[in-house]
Amino acid sequence: MIDFRHIPLGNDFAFSEVMREPAICKHFLELVLGIRIRRLEFVERERDLSDSFFFHGIRLDVYVEDDADSVYDIEMQDSVK
């Protein structure tokens, strides 16, 4: 049995669960970025629907505009270059 409370956000499954629901995604990004989001739009560039803890989850890019007219393209990166 998997204890989902201890899955890191960097896990594909956990990240896709947070990022797939617009209200949760908006709240999460506002907290992380310290901004107020005016517009949030999902942009699907890749399609990977193996929705499981052990496999890659749904890939989402998120387009965000804030109240200061700044634009952000949010995507998951699993390595630092």
Protein backbone atom coordinates (compact mmCIF):
# COMPACT_ATOMS: atom_id res chain seq x y z
CA MET A 1 0.00 0.00 0.00
CA ILE A 2 1.33 3.43 -0.93
CA ASP A 3 1.06 6.29 1.56
CA PHE A 4 0.28 9.17 -0.80
CA ARG A 5 0.99 11.78 1.89
CA HIS A 6 4.72 11.08 1.53
CA ILE A 7 5.01 11.27 -2.26
CA PRO A 8 7.19 14.27 -3.23
CA LEU A 9 5.68 16.86 -5.56
CA GLY A 10 8.48 16.11 -8.03
CA ASN A 11 6.93 12.68 -8.62
CA ASP A 12 5.14 12.63 -12.01
CA PHE A 13 1.94 11.22 -10.52
CA ALA A 14 1.77 13.75 -7.67
CA PHE A 15 2.59 16.69 -9.92
CA SER A 16 0.00 15.73 -12.52
CA GLU A 17 -2.67 15.36 -9.82
CA VAL A 18 -1.97 18.89 -8.53
CA MET A 19 -1.71 20.38 -12.01
CA ARG A 20 -4.77 18.76 -13.59
CA GLU A 21 -7.41 20.51 -11.45
CA PRO A 22 -7.58 24.25 -12.34
CA ALA A 23 -8.62 25.52 -8.89
CA ILE A 24 -5.93 23.51 -7.08
CA CYS A 25 -3.33 24.36 -9.71
CA LYS A 26 -4.10 28.09 -9.46
CA HIS A 27 -3.94 28.10 -5.66
CA PHE A 28 -0.69 26.09 -5.66
CA LEU A 29 1.01 28.34 -8.23
CA GLU A 30 -0.10 31.53 -6.45
CA LEU A 31 1.47 30.23 -3.24
CA VAL A 32 4.70 29.06 -4.89
CA LEU A 33 5.19 32.09 -7.14
CA GLY A 34 3.85 34.68 -4.69
CA ILE A 35 1.59 36.21 -7.34
CA ARG A 36 -2.14 36.64 -7.97
CA ILE A 37 -3.08 34.77 -11.15
CA ARG A 38 -5.48 36.51 -13.50
CA ARG A 39 -5.53 33.83 -16.21
CA LEU A 40 -4.54 30.17 -16.18
CA GLU A 41 -4.60 28.01 -19.31
CA PHE A 42 -3.49 24.42 -19.79
CA VAL A 43 -1.40 23.73 -22.90
CA GLU A 44 -1.07 20.05 -23.73
CA ARG A 45 2.09 19.47 -25.78
CA GLU A 46 2.66 15.83 -24.93
CA ARG A 47 0.09 13.16 -24.30
CA ASP A 48 1.01 10.46 -21.82
CA LEU A 49 -2.03 9.02 -20.09
CA SER A 50 -0.46 6.21 -18.04
CA ASP A 51 -1.95 7.60 -14.83
CA SER A 52 -0.02 5.60 -12.24
CA PHE A 53 2.43 6.21 -9.41
CA PHE A 54 5.05 4.03 -11.10
CA PHE A 55 4.77 5.44 -14.64
CA HIS A 56 4.82 8.88 -16.21
CA GLY A 57 1.59 10.77 -15.63
CA ILE A 58 -0.17 13.32 -17.74
CA ARG A 59 2.23 15.99 -19.05
CA LEU A 60 0.94 19.52 -18.69
CA ASP A 61 2.33 22.90 -19.50
CA VAL A 62 0.51 25.78 -17.87
CA TYR A 63 0.29 29.29 -19.25
CA VAL A 64 -0.23 31.91 -16.53
CA GLU A 65 -0.82 35.67 -16.59
CA ASP A 66 -0.67 37.67 -13.36
CA ASP A 67 -2.18 41.01 -12.33
CA ALA A 68 1.05 42.81 -13.33
CA ASP A 69 0.75 41.54 -16.94
CA SER A 70 3.66 39.12 -16.49
CA VAL A 71 3.40 35.83 -18.38
CA TYR A 72 4.71 32.47 -17.11
CA ASP A 73 5.06 29.09 -18.83
CA ILE A 74 5.02 26.45 -16.07
CA GLU A 75 6.28 22.93 -16.67
CA MET A 76 7.86 20.15 -14.65
CA GLN A 77 11.62 19.64 -14.85
CA ASP A 78 13.17 16.65 -13.11
CA SER A 79 16.82 17.66 -13.42
CA VAL A 80 18.93 20.77 -12.98
CA LYS A 81 21.24 21.79 -15.82
